[in-house]
Each structure stands twice: as C-alpha cells, then as structure tokens.
Protein backbone atom coordinates (compact mmCIF):
# COMPACT_ATOMS: atom_id res chain seq x y z
CA MET A 1 168.74 91.24 118.77
CA ARG A 2 170.18 88.19 119.25
CA SER A 3 168.11 84.84 119.39
CA PRO A 4 169.20 81.93 121.56
CA ASP A 5 170.50 80.64 118.01
CA GLY A 6 172.80 82.26 117.48
CA TYR A 7 171.01 84.63 115.18
CA ILE A 8 171.39 88.36 114.99
CA SER A 9 168.12 89.85 113.62
CA LEU A 10 167.92 93.86 112.91
CA ARG A 11 164.93 95.88 114.79
CA GLY A 12 163.56 99.37 113.98
CA ARG A 13 162.69 100.85 110.63
CA SER A 14 161.88 97.54 108.90
CA THR A 15 158.69 99.67 106.96
CA ASP A 16 161.15 102.03 105.46
CA LEU A 17 162.07 99.07 103.05
CA ILE A 18 160.08 99.58 99.46
CA ILE A 19 159.53 96.59 97.66
CA SER A 20 158.44 97.01 94.05
CA GLY A 21 157.66 94.34 91.92
CA GLY A 22 159.63 91.87 93.48
CA PHE A 23 162.84 94.55 94.44
CA ASN A 24 164.22 95.94 97.42
CA ILE A 25 164.23 99.45 97.36
CA TYR A 26 165.94 101.46 100.47
CA PRO A 27 164.75 104.79 100.02
CA ARG A 28 168.15 106.16 101.94
CA GLU A 29 170.51 105.02 98.95
CA ILE A 30 167.43 107.47 96.62
CA GLU A 31 168.17 110.25 99.10
CA GLU A 32 171.14 110.40 99.15
CA VAL A 33 171.38 110.52 95.78
CA MET A 34 168.97 113.72 95.65
CA LEU A 35 170.89 115.33 98.39
CA GLU A 36 173.67 115.55 96.54
CA THR A 37 172.14 118.15 93.35
CA PRO A 38 172.10 121.54 93.65
CA GLY A 39 168.66 123.17 95.34
CA VAL A 40 167.38 120.06 96.87
CA ARG A 41 167.90 120.64 100.68
CA GLU A 42 165.79 118.32 101.99
CA ALA A 43 164.13 114.90 100.59
CA VAL A 44 162.58 112.04 102.22
CA VAL A 45 161.41 108.81 100.23
CA VAL A 46 157.94 106.81 101.06
CA GLY A 47 156.73 103.79 98.98
CA ALA A 48 152.97 104.24 97.92
CA ALA A 49 150.32 101.16 96.73
CA HIS A 50 150.28 100.83 93.30
CA PRO A 51 147.87 97.93 91.48
CA VAL A 52 150.81 96.59 89.71
CA ARG A 53 153.83 96.60 91.51
CA GLY A 54 153.31 96.36 94.71
CA GLU A 55 154.81 99.57 96.28
CA VAL A 56 156.99 102.56 93.88
CA PRO A 57 158.69 105.10 95.28
CA ILE A 58 157.31 108.60 96.04
CA ALA A 59 159.87 111.66 96.80
CA TYR A 60 159.56 114.79 99.04
CA ILE A 61 161.46 117.08 98.32
CA VAL A 62 161.96 120.56 100.39
CA THR A 63 163.89 123.06 97.68
CA ASP A 64 165.30 126.16 97.25
CA ALA A 65 165.70 128.70 94.20
CA SER A 66 168.10 127.41 92.21
CA TYR A 67 165.98 123.66 92.22
CA ASP A 68 165.87 122.39 88.63
CA GLU A 69 163.65 118.99 88.68
CA ALA A 70 165.12 117.76 84.76
CA ALA A 71 168.85 118.11 86.46
CA LEU A 72 167.60 116.25 89.34
CA ILE A 73 166.00 113.38 87.26
CA ASN A 74 168.86 113.49 84.69
CA THR A 75 170.88 112.48 88.16
CA LEU A 76 168.90 109.78 89.07
CA GLY A 77 168.56 108.46 86.16
CA ARG A 78 172.51 108.74 85.78
CA THR A 79 172.87 107.04 89.34
CA LEU A 80 169.89 105.06 90.04
CA ALA A 81 168.43 101.69 88.02
CA SER A 82 165.07 102.21 86.86
CA PHE A 83 163.37 100.28 89.31
CA LYS A 84 164.15 102.81 91.75
CA MET A 85 163.65 106.09 90.07
CA PRO A 86 161.30 107.45 92.09
CA HIS A 87 157.13 108.12 90.15
CA ARG A 88 156.41 111.54 91.69
CA PHE A 89 158.21 114.46 93.12
CA ILE A 90 155.91 116.33 95.79
CA LYS A 91 157.37 119.68 96.40
CA VAL A 92 156.56 120.33 100.19
CA ASP A 93 157.60 123.55 102.08
CA LYS A 94 159.13 121.17 105.30
CA ILE A 95 159.48 117.70 106.31
CA PRO A 96 157.46 116.82 109.27
CA ARG A 97 159.75 115.36 112.66
CA THR A 98 159.66 114.27 116.03
CA ALA A 99 161.20 116.38 118.41
CA LEU A 100 164.01 114.80 118.13
CA GLY A 101 164.54 115.86 114.26
CA LYS A 102 163.31 112.04 112.85
CA VAL A 103 161.81 112.09 110.06
CA GLN A 104 157.93 111.06 110.85
CA ARG A 105 157.74 109.38 107.02
CA HIS A 106 153.49 108.16 108.37
CA LEU A 107 152.78 111.22 107.92
CA LEU A 108 153.50 111.75 104.45
CA PRO A 109 151.44 109.73 102.10
C-alpha cells in the first residue's frame, strides 16, 4: 500500500514476526532450514510468550520414520543464530490449514 506521501507499507502476515529479547525473528527462515533436514515433511514456527524474552520460537513439525531430532538440532545450530533456535519441537500429525492450503498459525499454540 502506498501512502499519500509516497511511503510503501506491506500488509498482512505482520503477526508472523517474532520479537525475542529485542531481536526480530522471521519464522520462514527457520522453517526453510528445518525442511532441508531429512525426515521433516512439514514445519511451522510460531512465537510463544516468554516471561523474560517476550516471545520465543516454537517449532511444530510433521515427520516421517527417518526423522532424527539430534540431526535437526545440529543443522539448526550450524545455520542459525542462537536466538533463532526453537525452544521446543512439538511433533504433530498434521498442520492445520485453510481450504486454500494456508497454514493457520493461530491454531497451533
């Protein structure tokens, strides 16, 4: 959207941003790394309330038989900054989606 004075503002998905201890964390960055790990079929990262940091990333994952949590943690640790590391990994059978296939993040926490 362009304002009358020429500034461009992006709309939508603003709530996907996780602010943890003053750092901005974009869930998509973490999800892309997780999806490169063998055994991870789907991954969604959401922010969960934290008493000190404000929010922390929590990962919801759908896995297959070859999933190895140690390998996932190792991959994330080599690729991401420590503040972007999910605090928990929660295995779920499926990720909630709309009829059009969009992830319903608000149903996960």
